[in-house]
N, C-alpha and C. Protein backbone atom coordinates (compact mmCIF):
# COMPACT_ATOMS: atom_id res chain seq x y z
N MET A 1 92.25 97.77 106.71
CA MET A 1 92.73 96.70 105.85
C MET A 1 92.76 97.45 104.47
N ASP A 2 93.49 96.95 103.55
CA ASP A 2 93.69 97.49 102.33
C ASP A 2 94.77 96.71 101.28
N GLY A 3 94.46 96.55 100.43
CA GLY A 3 95.24 95.75 99.51
C GLY A 3 95.63 96.60 98.00
N ALA A 4 96.81 96.17 97.41
CA ALA A 4 97.08 96.92 96.24
C ALA A 4 97.58 95.64 95.45
N SER A 5 97.31 95.52 93.80
CA SER A 5 97.97 94.90 93.06
C SER A 5 98.20 95.31 91.77
N ASN A 6 99.47 95.25 91.43
CA ASN A 6 99.88 95.60 89.75
C ASN A 6 100.48 94.56 88.84
N THR A 7 101.17 94.60 87.98
CA THR A 7 101.80 93.62 87.39
C THR A 7 102.77 93.23 87.77
N CYS A 8 103.36 93.64 88.76
CA CYS A 8 104.66 93.34 89.29
C CYS A 8 104.60 92.78 90.37
N GLU A 9 103.77 93.06 91.28
CA GLU A 9 103.63 92.49 92.83
C GLU A 9 102.01 92.77 93.37
N ALA A 10 101.95 92.06 94.62
CA ALA A 10 100.47 92.43 95.31
C ALA A 10 100.99 92.76 96.78
N ARG A 11 100.63 93.72 97.61
CA ARG A 11 100.66 93.73 99.14
C ARG A 11 99.24 94.09 99.24
N ILE A 12 99.52 93.71 100.93
CA ILE A 12 98.25 94.05 101.82
C ILE A 12 98.77 94.72 102.97
N GLY A 13 97.79 95.62 103.53
CA GLY A 13 98.15 96.14 104.82
C GLY A 13 96.89 95.83 105.67
N ILE A 14 97.33 95.70 106.91
CA ILE A 14 95.95 95.34 107.91
C ILE A 14 96.65 96.34 109.33
N VAL A 15 95.71 96.89 109.94
CA VAL A 15 95.86 97.42 111.28
C VAL A 15 94.87 96.96 112.36
N LEU A 16 95.32 96.33 113.28
CA LEU A 16 94.45 95.80 114.31
C LEU A 16 94.65 96.71 115.21
N GLU A 17 93.38 97.06 116.00
CA GLU A 17 93.38 98.27 117.04
C GLU A 17 92.36 97.44 118.05
N SER A 18 93.12 97.40 119.41
CA SER A 18 92.37 96.90 120.53
C SER A 18 91.35 97.98 121.19
N LEU A 19 90.36 97.74 121.79
CA LEU A 19 89.71 98.60 122.50
C LEU A 19 90.41 99.64 123.56
N GLU A 20 91.51 99.19 123.91
CA GLU A 20 92.44 99.89 124.84
C GLU A 20 93.40 100.77 123.61
N GLY A 21 93.41 100.55 122.38
CA GLY A 21 93.95 101.62 121.58
C GLY A 21 95.49 100.76 121.67
N ILE A 22 95.71 99.54 121.69
CA ILE A 22 96.83 98.92 121.14
C ILE A 22 96.99 98.84 119.44
N LYS A 23 97.74 98.96 119.09
CA LYS A 23 97.67 98.75 117.32
C LYS A 23 98.73 97.79 117.00
N LEU A 24 98.58 96.87 116.21
CA LEU A 24 99.28 95.81 115.68
C LEU A 24 99.24 96.14 113.85
N GLU A 25 100.20 96.22 113.10
CA GLU A 25 100.30 96.77 112.00
C GLU A 25 100.99 95.71 111.24
N TYR A 26 100.34 95.28 110.17
CA TYR A 26 100.85 94.33 109.10
C TYR A 26 101.14 94.75 107.91
N LEU A 27 102.13 94.60 107.15
CA LEU A 27 102.35 94.86 105.78
C LEU A 27 103.04 93.67 105.40
N LEU A 28 102.21 92.86 104.13
CA LEU A 28 102.81 91.59 103.78
C LEU A 28 102.67 91.82 102.22
N LYS A 29 103.58 91.27 101.73
CA LYS A 29 103.90 91.05 100.07
C LYS A 29 103.48 89.80 99.77
N LEU A 30 102.48 89.80 98.79
CA LEU A 30 101.99 88.43 98.43
C LEU A 30 103.24 87.73 97.35
N GLY A 31 103.14 86.43 97.53
CA GLY A 31 104.46 85.70 96.67
C GLY A 31 103.74 85.49 95.11
N PHE A 32 102.45 86.02 95.23
CA PHE A 32 102.05 85.61 93.54
C PHE A 32 101.00 87.02 93.31
N LEU A 33 101.02 87.03 91.78
CA LEU A 33 100.57 88.23 91.31
C LEU A 33 98.80 87.45 91.20
N THR A 34 97.84 88.64 91.67
CA THR A 34 96.63 88.50 91.65
C THR A 34 95.97 89.86 91.40
N SER A 35 94.39 89.64 91.20
CA SER A 35 93.86 90.65 90.83
C SER A 35 93.53 91.92 91.88
N ASN A 36 92.94 93.04 91.51
CA ASN A 36 92.96 93.72 92.76
C ASN A 36 91.51 93.12 93.60
N ASN A 37 90.75 92.73 93.02
CA ASN A 37 89.76 92.28 93.72
C ASN A 37 90.28 90.85 94.42
N GLU A 38 90.87 89.99 94.11
CA GLU A 38 91.50 89.11 94.96
C GLU A 38 92.53 89.45 95.82
N VAL A 39 93.21 90.52 95.68
CA VAL A 39 93.96 90.90 96.87
C VAL A 39 93.04 91.49 98.12
N GLU A 40 91.74 92.09 97.74
CA GLU A 40 91.13 92.65 98.71
C GLU A 40 90.62 91.61 99.56
N TYR A 41 90.06 90.64 99.04
CA TYR A 41 90.01 89.43 99.58
C TYR A 41 91.06 88.57 100.60
N GLU A 42 92.09 88.78 99.58
CA GLU A 42 93.46 88.04 100.67
C GLU A 42 93.83 88.95 101.99
N VAL A 43 93.43 90.31 101.61
CA VAL A 43 93.88 91.14 102.86
C VAL A 43 92.85 91.08 104.16
N LEU A 44 91.49 90.76 103.72
CA LEU A 44 90.27 90.33 104.65
C LEU A 44 90.49 89.06 105.26
N VAL A 45 91.03 88.17 104.64
CA VAL A 45 91.56 86.62 105.16
C VAL A 45 92.51 86.98 105.98
N ALA A 46 93.40 87.59 105.70
CA ALA A 46 94.65 87.52 106.39
C ALA A 46 94.64 88.28 107.89
N GLY A 47 93.67 89.45 107.69
CA GLY A 47 93.33 89.91 108.79
C GLY A 47 92.46 89.26 110.02
N LEU A 48 91.43 88.40 109.19
CA LEU A 48 90.51 87.49 110.20
C LEU A 48 91.54 86.39 110.84
N GLN A 49 92.33 85.90 110.00
CA GLN A 49 93.53 84.74 110.69
C GLN A 49 94.21 85.60 111.81
N ALA A 50 94.67 86.79 111.48
CA ALA A 50 95.14 87.66 112.54
C ALA A 50 94.52 87.88 113.86
N ALA A 51 93.51 87.97 113.44
CA ALA A 51 92.32 88.25 114.77
C ALA A 51 91.95 87.26 115.33
N MET A 52 91.74 86.15 114.91
CA MET A 52 91.53 84.97 115.44
C MET A 52 92.95 84.27 116.36
N LYS A 53 94.09 84.39 115.54
CA LYS A 53 95.11 84.18 116.38
C LYS A 53 95.23 85.01 117.79
N LEU A 54 94.75 86.12 117.86
CA LEU A 54 94.91 87.16 118.96
C LEU A 54 93.70 86.58 119.85
N GLY A 55 92.62 85.75 119.58
CA GLY A 55 91.46 85.55 120.45
C GLY A 55 90.50 86.37 120.24
N THR A 56 90.44 87.28 119.32
CA THR A 56 89.46 88.25 118.89
C THR A 56 87.87 87.57 118.97
N VAL A 57 86.87 88.01 119.59
CA VAL A 57 85.65 87.65 119.99
C VAL A 57 84.59 88.50 119.23
N GLU A 58 85.05 89.87 118.93
CA GLU A 58 84.18 90.98 118.27
C GLU A 58 85.01 91.80 117.47
N LEU A 59 84.71 92.12 116.24
CA LEU A 59 85.73 92.88 115.28
C LEU A 59 84.82 93.55 114.31
N GLU A 60 85.49 94.73 114.35
CA GLU A 60 84.91 95.63 113.14
C GLU A 60 86.02 95.78 111.94
N VAL A 61 85.44 95.59 110.69
CA VAL A 61 86.41 95.73 109.42
C VAL A 61 85.97 97.20 108.80
N TYR A 62 86.93 97.68 108.34
CA TYR A 62 86.75 98.68 107.47
C TYR A 62 87.59 98.50 106.08
N SER A 63 86.88 98.67 104.99
CA SER A 63 87.51 98.44 103.69
C SER A 63 86.95 99.13 103.02
N ASP A 64 87.64 99.56 101.69
CA ASP A 64 87.49 100.63 100.69
C ASP A 64 86.97 99.81 99.58
N SER A 65 87.03 98.50 99.54
CA SER A 65 86.45 97.59 98.42
C SER A 65 84.84 97.27 98.61
N GLN A 66 84.01 98.24 97.76
CA GLN A 66 82.69 98.21 97.70
C GLN A 66 82.59 96.80 97.48
N LEU A 67 83.15 95.74 96.53
CA LEU A 67 82.64 94.72 96.25
C LEU A 67 82.69 93.72 97.20
N VAL A 68 84.07 93.68 98.02
CA VAL A 68 84.18 92.82 99.02
C VAL A 68 83.20 93.01 100.40
N VAL A 69 83.06 94.31 100.74
CA VAL A 69 82.25 94.90 101.73
C VAL A 69 80.76 94.16 101.16
N SER A 70 80.10 94.45 100.46
CA SER A 70 79.01 94.15 99.63
C SER A 70 78.79 92.75 99.55
N GLN A 71 79.57 91.99 99.12
CA GLN A 71 79.38 90.31 99.18
C GLN A 71 79.37 89.74 100.41
N VAL A 72 80.46 90.27 101.53
CA VAL A 72 80.29 90.00 102.74
C VAL A 72 78.91 90.04 103.36
N LYS A 73 78.67 91.13 103.29
CA LYS A 73 77.09 91.55 103.55
C LYS A 73 76.17 90.83 102.91
N GLY A 74 76.10 90.38 101.94
CA GLY A 74 75.31 89.62 101.22
C GLY A 74 74.37 90.36 100.23
N SER A 75 74.74 91.82 99.87
CA SER A 75 73.85 92.52 99.27
C SER A 75 74.52 92.52 97.69
N PHE A 76 75.63 91.97 97.61
CA PHE A 76 76.01 91.71 95.92
C PHE A 76 76.19 90.17 95.82
N GLU A 77 75.87 89.95 94.54
CA GLU A 77 76.01 88.24 94.05
C GLU A 77 77.43 88.11 93.94
N VAL A 78 77.91 87.18 94.30
CA VAL A 78 79.03 86.26 93.63
C VAL A 78 79.19 85.51 92.64
N ARG A 79 79.64 85.89 91.22
CA ARG A 79 79.60 85.19 90.20
C ARG A 79 80.94 84.34 90.15
N ASP A 80 81.91 85.30 90.17
CA ASP A 80 83.26 84.61 89.79
C ASP A 80 83.83 83.61 90.74
N PRO A 81 84.06 82.42 90.22
CA PRO A 81 84.63 81.20 91.10
C PRO A 81 85.53 81.44 92.25
N LYS A 82 86.37 82.02 91.69
CA LYS A 82 87.39 82.37 92.65
C LYS A 82 86.90 83.43 93.57
N MET A 83 86.02 84.38 93.52
CA MET A 83 85.56 85.11 94.79
C MET A 83 84.66 84.32 95.55
N VAL A 84 83.98 83.43 95.00
CA VAL A 84 83.12 82.31 95.55
C VAL A 84 83.55 81.49 96.80
N GLU A 85 85.04 81.12 96.45
CA GLU A 85 85.89 80.53 97.45
C GLU A 85 86.48 81.47 98.45
N TYR A 86 86.81 82.73 97.98
CA TYR A 86 86.97 83.53 98.99
C TYR A 86 86.19 83.77 100.10
N LEU A 87 85.25 84.31 99.24
CA LEU A 87 83.88 84.61 100.43
C LEU A 87 83.53 83.46 101.35
N LYS A 88 83.53 82.16 100.72
CA LYS A 88 83.35 80.90 101.69
C LYS A 88 84.31 81.21 103.01
N LEU A 89 85.71 81.39 102.47
CA LEU A 89 86.70 81.28 103.65
C LEU A 89 86.53 82.41 104.52
N ALA A 90 86.28 83.45 103.97
CA ALA A 90 85.97 84.71 105.01
C ALA A 90 84.95 84.51 106.04
N LEU A 91 83.88 84.07 105.25
CA LEU A 91 82.50 83.83 106.19
C LEU A 91 82.93 82.58 107.13
N SER A 92 83.54 81.71 106.94
CA SER A 92 84.02 80.76 108.04
C SER A 92 84.72 80.82 109.08
N LEU A 93 85.93 81.77 108.52
CA LEU A 93 86.75 82.68 109.61
C LEU A 93 85.77 83.62 110.46
N GLN A 94 85.02 84.47 109.71
CA GLN A 94 84.21 85.11 110.50
C GLN A 94 83.23 84.18 111.62
N ALA A 95 82.84 83.12 110.98
CA ALA A 95 81.91 82.63 112.11
C ALA A 95 82.91 82.00 113.53
N SER A 96 84.38 81.87 113.20
CA SER A 96 85.18 81.31 113.99
C SER A 96 85.27 82.51 115.20
N ILE A 97 85.36 83.74 114.59
CA ILE A 97 85.69 84.78 115.41
C ILE A 97 84.45 85.06 116.36
N GLY A 98 83.16 84.95 115.72
CA GLY A 98 81.98 85.46 116.58
C GLY A 98 81.30 86.94 115.91
N SER A 99 81.14 87.97 116.24
CA SER A 99 80.72 89.04 115.90
C SER A 99 81.74 89.98 115.10
N MET A 100 81.15 90.19 113.85
CA MET A 100 81.86 91.06 113.14
C MET A 100 80.99 91.89 111.96
N LYS A 101 81.26 93.30 112.45
CA LYS A 101 80.86 94.42 111.67
C LYS A 101 81.55 94.68 110.46
N VAL A 102 80.95 94.55 109.18
CA VAL A 102 82.15 95.04 107.78
C VAL A 102 81.34 96.39 107.50
N SER A 103 82.13 97.49 107.15
CA SER A 103 82.11 98.60 106.97
C SER A 103 82.73 99.23 105.59
N GLN A 104 82.16 99.64 104.68
CA GLN A 104 83.13 100.48 103.41
C GLN A 104 83.39 101.82 104.00
N ILE A 105 84.66 102.21 103.64
CA ILE A 105 85.27 103.49 103.84
C ILE A 105 85.62 104.16 102.46
N SER A 106 85.62 105.18 102.42
CA SER A 106 86.17 106.10 101.08
C SER A 106 87.80 105.56 101.14
N LYS A 107 87.79 105.76 99.86
CA LYS A 107 89.50 105.60 99.46
C LYS A 107 90.02 107.10 99.61
N GLY A 108 91.23 106.71 100.21
CA GLY A 108 91.68 108.20 100.87
C GLY A 108 92.77 108.72 100.59
């Protein structure tokens, strides 16, 4: 998953891949401007919602956002009120899925 935001638009990209190698790719343009950190949470939430709709019970998430990965894992404190709400939403979606592993990957 990845997201990008600038002064004109915000976009997110998600790739869901099954154990059998079936890939579903999503590219979404958000209808609102947002910060880079917020867009990284938007992509996580959208990915979790898509995985839920597919009936996923075990998920591995890869993101280049150190902030999001660390906050979801609980190793970074969440101070910003918007980030607190995004984290709450992500964790509630995670609980609906079941098992989820979150890993940071390098920007590529």
